[in-house]
Amino acid sequence: FERGQATNQRLEDRVAEVIREKALQLTHEEVPHAVFVEVEELGERVVRANLYVETESQKGILVGKRGTMVREIGTRARPEVEALVGRKVFLELFVKVRPKWRRDRQLLERLGL
């Protein structure tokens, strides 16, 4: 790496990984690696990201009762995201279903998997 460079990952990818990590930590075994995160917007004040799962039942787990789980994911991820981007941000998370995403070759290549 160049001097002062710690990684070759894009900032969006690092932010997505922090959010995914918190989702997996909070859901434990309930959503076993069937989630990926895509940062939709990395603005001055807002970071908007989508958490994708394969089934409606997984979506229900990530959203939680009245949105409690997705809110907690955001609460836990926000400090690390702010440290990465170097400023305070509003972290806006959405949970969406994308059936069989783990079988989509183009998506997996784009995600680097």
C-alpha atoms as a PDB file:
ATOM      1  CA  PHE A   1       0.000   0.000   0.000  1.00  0.00           C
ATOM      2  CA  GLU A   2       0.994   3.594  -0.437  1.00  0.00           C
ATOM      3  CA  ARG A   3       2.275   5.527   2.551  1.00  0.00           C
ATOM      4  CA  GLY A   4      -0.608   6.327   4.909  1.00  0.00           C
ATOM      5  CA  GLN A   5      -2.932   3.863   3.163  1.00  0.00           C
ATOM      6  CA  ALA A   6      -4.242   1.091   5.411  1.00  0.00           C
ATOM      7  CA  THR A   7      -6.407  -0.788   2.898  1.00  0.00           C
ATOM      8  CA  ASN A   8      -7.249  -1.023  -0.757  1.00  0.00           C
ATOM      9  CA  GLN A   9     -10.988  -1.342  -0.074  1.00  0.00           C
ATOM     10  CA  ARG A  10     -13.304   1.459  -1.104  1.00  0.00           C
ATOM     11  CA  LEU A  11     -14.850   3.487   1.709  1.00  0.00           C
ATOM     12  CA  GLU A  12     -18.328   2.268   0.700  1.00  0.00           C
ATOM     13  CA  ASP A  13     -17.189  -1.341   1.068  1.00  0.00           C
ATOM     14  CA  ARG A  14     -15.728  -0.730   4.527  1.00  0.00           C
ATOM     15  CA  VAL A  15     -18.915   1.037   5.665  1.00  0.00           C
ATOM     16  CA  ALA A  16     -21.019  -1.846   4.297  1.00  0.00           C
ATOM     17  CA  GLU A  17     -18.883  -4.377   6.152  1.00  0.00           C
ATOM     18  CA  VAL A  18     -19.302  -2.543   9.475  1.00  0.00           C
ATOM     19  CA  ILE A  19     -23.088  -2.549   9.060  1.00  0.00           C
ATOM     20  CA  ARG A  20     -23.106  -6.225   8.050  1.00  0.00           C
ATOM     21  CA  GLU A  21     -20.928  -7.118  11.038  1.00  0.00           C
ATOM     22  CA  LYS A  22     -23.383  -5.479  13.451  1.00  0.00           C
ATOM     23  CA  ALA A  23     -26.341  -7.206  11.788  1.00  0.00           C
ATOM     24  CA  LEU A  24     -24.682 -10.603  12.138  1.00  0.00           C
ATOM     25  CA  GLN A  25     -23.632  -9.940  15.740  1.00  0.00           C
ATOM     26  CA  LEU A  26     -27.173  -8.990  16.727  1.00  0.00           C
ATOM     27  CA  THR A  27     -28.988 -11.772  14.905  1.00  0.00           C
ATOM     28  CA  HIS A  28     -26.468 -14.478  15.840  1.00  0.00           C
ATOM     29  CA  GLU A  29     -27.530 -17.687  14.132  1.00  0.00           C
ATOM     30  CA  GLU A  30     -30.925 -16.435  12.941  1.00  0.00           C
ATOM     31  CA  VAL A  31     -29.653 -14.932   9.666  1.00  0.00           C
ATOM     32  CA  PRO A  32     -26.606 -17.088   8.889  1.00  0.00           C
ATOM     33  CA  HIS A  33     -24.574 -15.054   6.399  1.00  0.00           C
ATOM     34  CA  ALA A  34     -27.596 -14.571   4.149  1.00  0.00           C
ATOM     35  CA  VAL A  35     -27.220 -10.802   4.338  1.00  0.00           C
ATOM     36  CA  PHE A  36     -25.209  -8.356   2.284  1.00  0.00           C
ATOM     37  CA  VAL A  37     -25.092  -4.592   2.548  1.00  0.00           C
ATOM     38  CA  GLU A  38     -24.868  -2.091  -0.263  1.00  0.00           C
ATOM     39  CA  VAL A  39     -24.180   1.571   0.442  1.00  0.00           C
ATOM     40  CA  GLU A  40     -26.541   3.579  -1.721  1.00  0.00           C
ATOM     41  CA  GLU A  41     -25.429   7.062  -0.663  1.00  0.00           C
ATOM     42  CA  LEU A  42     -22.347   8.316   1.131  1.00  0.00           C
ATOM     43  CA  GLY A  43     -23.145  11.996   1.499  1.00  0.00           C
ATOM     44  CA  GLU A  44     -21.892  14.795   3.695  1.00  0.00           C
ATOM     45  CA  ARG A  45     -24.585  14.289   6.315  1.00  0.00           C
ATOM     46  CA  VAL A  46     -26.303  11.029   5.349  1.00  0.00           C
ATOM     47  CA  VAL A  47     -25.146   7.478   4.806  1.00  0.00           C
ATOM     48  CA  ARG A  48     -27.918   5.404   3.237  1.00  0.00           C
ATOM     49  CA  ALA A  49     -27.538   1.644   2.963  1.00  0.00           C
ATOM     50  CA  ASN A  50     -29.639  -1.362   2.036  1.00  0.00           C
ATOM     51  CA  LEU A  51     -29.385  -4.676   3.863  1.00  0.00           C
ATOM     52  CA  TYR A  52     -30.408  -7.481   1.507  1.00  0.00           C
ATOM     53  CA  VAL A  53     -31.601 -10.920   2.588  1.00  0.00           C
ATOM     54  CA  GLU A  54     -32.998 -13.869   0.641  1.00  0.00           C
ATOM     55  CA  THR A  55     -36.381 -14.399   2.310  1.00  0.00           C
ATOM     56  CA  GLU A  56     -39.229 -12.456   3.890  1.00  0.00           C
ATOM     57  CA  SER A  57     -38.672 -14.305   7.170  1.00  0.00           C
ATOM     58  CA  GLN A  58     -35.045 -13.117   7.243  1.00  0.00           C
ATOM     59  CA  LYS A  59     -36.261  -9.592   6.521  1.00  0.00           C
ATOM     60  CA  GLY A  60     -38.621  -9.849   9.488  1.00  0.00           C
ATOM     61  CA  ILE A  61     -35.739 -10.860  11.734  1.00  0.00           C
ATOM     62  CA  LEU A  62     -33.546  -7.945  10.593  1.00  0.00           C
ATOM     63  CA  VAL A  63     -36.344  -5.403  10.853  1.00  0.00           C
ATOM     64  CA  GLY A  64     -37.507  -6.730  14.214  1.00  0.00           C
ATOM     65  CA  LYS A  65     -40.683  -5.884  16.038  1.00  0.00           C
ATOM     66  CA  ARG A  66     -41.602  -2.299  15.113  1.00  0.00           C
ATOM     67  CA  GLY A  67     -38.148  -1.797  13.591  1.00  0.00           C
ATOM     68  CA  THR A  68     -36.237  -2.404  16.804  1.00  0.00           C
ATOM     69  CA  MET A  69     -33.569  -4.668  15.295  1.00  0.00           C
ATOM     70  CA  VAL A  70     -32.678  -2.490  12.301  1.00  0.00           C
ATOM     71  CA  ARG A  71     -32.618   0.522  14.620  1.00  0.00           C
ATOM     72  CA  GLU A  72     -30.196  -1.274  16.965  1.00  0.00           C
ATOM     73  CA  ILE A  73     -28.001  -2.296  14.012  1.00  0.00           C
ATOM     74  CA  GLY A  74     -27.794   1.375  13.047  1.00  0.00           C
ATOM     75  CA  THR A  75     -27.117   2.506  16.602  1.00  0.00           C
ATOM     76  CA  ARG A  76     -24.212   0.091  16.968  1.00  0.00           C
ATOM     77  CA  ALA A  77     -22.787   0.727  13.491  1.00  0.00           C
ATOM     78  CA  ARG A  78     -22.993   4.529  13.533  1.00  0.00           C
ATOM     79  CA  PRO A  79     -19.912   5.234  15.719  1.00  0.00           C
ATOM     80  CA  GLU A  80     -17.686   3.045  13.539  1.00  0.00           C
ATOM     81  CA  VAL A  81     -19.152   4.460  10.334  1.00  0.00           C
ATOM     82  CA  GLU A  82     -18.556   8.001  11.609  1.00  0.00           C
ATOM     83  CA  ALA A  83     -14.959   7.084  12.444  1.00  0.00           C
ATOM     84  CA  LEU A  84     -14.478   5.759   8.904  1.00  0.00           C
ATOM     85  CA  VAL A  85     -15.959   8.790   7.150  1.00  0.00           C
ATOM     86  CA  GLY A  86     -14.472  11.277   9.605  1.00  0.00           C
ATOM     87  CA  ARG A  87     -17.664  13.133  10.494  1.00  0.00           C
ATOM     88  CA  LYS A  88     -21.060  12.810  12.165  1.00  0.00           C
ATOM     89  CA  VAL A  89     -23.683  11.279   9.881  1.00  0.00           C
ATOM     90  CA  PHE A  90     -27.277  10.149   9.898  1.00  0.00           C
ATOM     91  CA  LEU A  91     -27.207   6.417   9.157  1.00  0.00           C
ATOM     92  CA  GLU A  92     -30.332   5.390   7.273  1.00  0.00           C
ATOM     93  CA  LEU A  93     -30.834   1.633   6.843  1.00  0.00           C
ATOM     94  CA  PHE A  94     -33.395  -0.260   4.773  1.00  0.00           C
ATOM     95  CA  VAL A  95     -33.971  -4.019   4.718  1.00  0.00           C
ATOM     96  CA  LYS A  96     -34.930  -5.547   1.362  1.00  0.00           C
ATOM     97  CA  VAL A  97     -35.467  -9.047   0.007  1.00  0.00           C
ATOM     98  CA  ARG A  98     -33.419 -10.230  -2.959  1.00  0.00           C
ATOM     99  CA  PRO A  99     -34.267 -13.913  -3.506  1.00  0.00           C
ATOM    100  CA  LYS A 100     -31.372 -16.269  -4.200  1.00  0.00           C
ATOM    101  CA  TRP A 101     -28.777 -13.471  -4.243  1.00  0.00           C
ATOM    102  CA  ARG A 102     -26.080 -15.962  -3.254  1.00  0.00           C
ATOM    103  CA  ARG A 103     -26.558 -17.694  -6.626  1.00  0.00           C
ATOM    104  CA  ASP A 104     -26.256 -14.503  -8.703  1.00  0.00           C
ATOM    105  CA  ARG A 105     -22.756 -14.672 -10.248  1.00  0.00           C
ATOM    106  CA  GLN A 106     -22.710 -11.051 -11.400  1.00  0.00           C
ATOM    107  CA  LEU A 107     -23.699  -9.795  -7.969  1.00  0.00           C
ATOM    108  CA  LEU A 108     -21.138 -12.003  -6.232  1.00  0.00           C
ATOM    109  CA  GLU A 109     -18.396 -10.760  -8.539  1.00  0.00           C
ATOM    110  CA  ARG A 110     -19.420  -7.147  -7.923  1.00  0.00           C
ATOM    111  CA  LEU A 111     -19.311  -7.793  -4.177  1.00  0.00           C
ATOM    112  CA  GLY A 112     -15.896  -9.381  -4.533  1.00  0.00           C
ATOM    113  CA  LEU A 113     -17.070 -12.806  -3.397  1.00  0.00           C
END
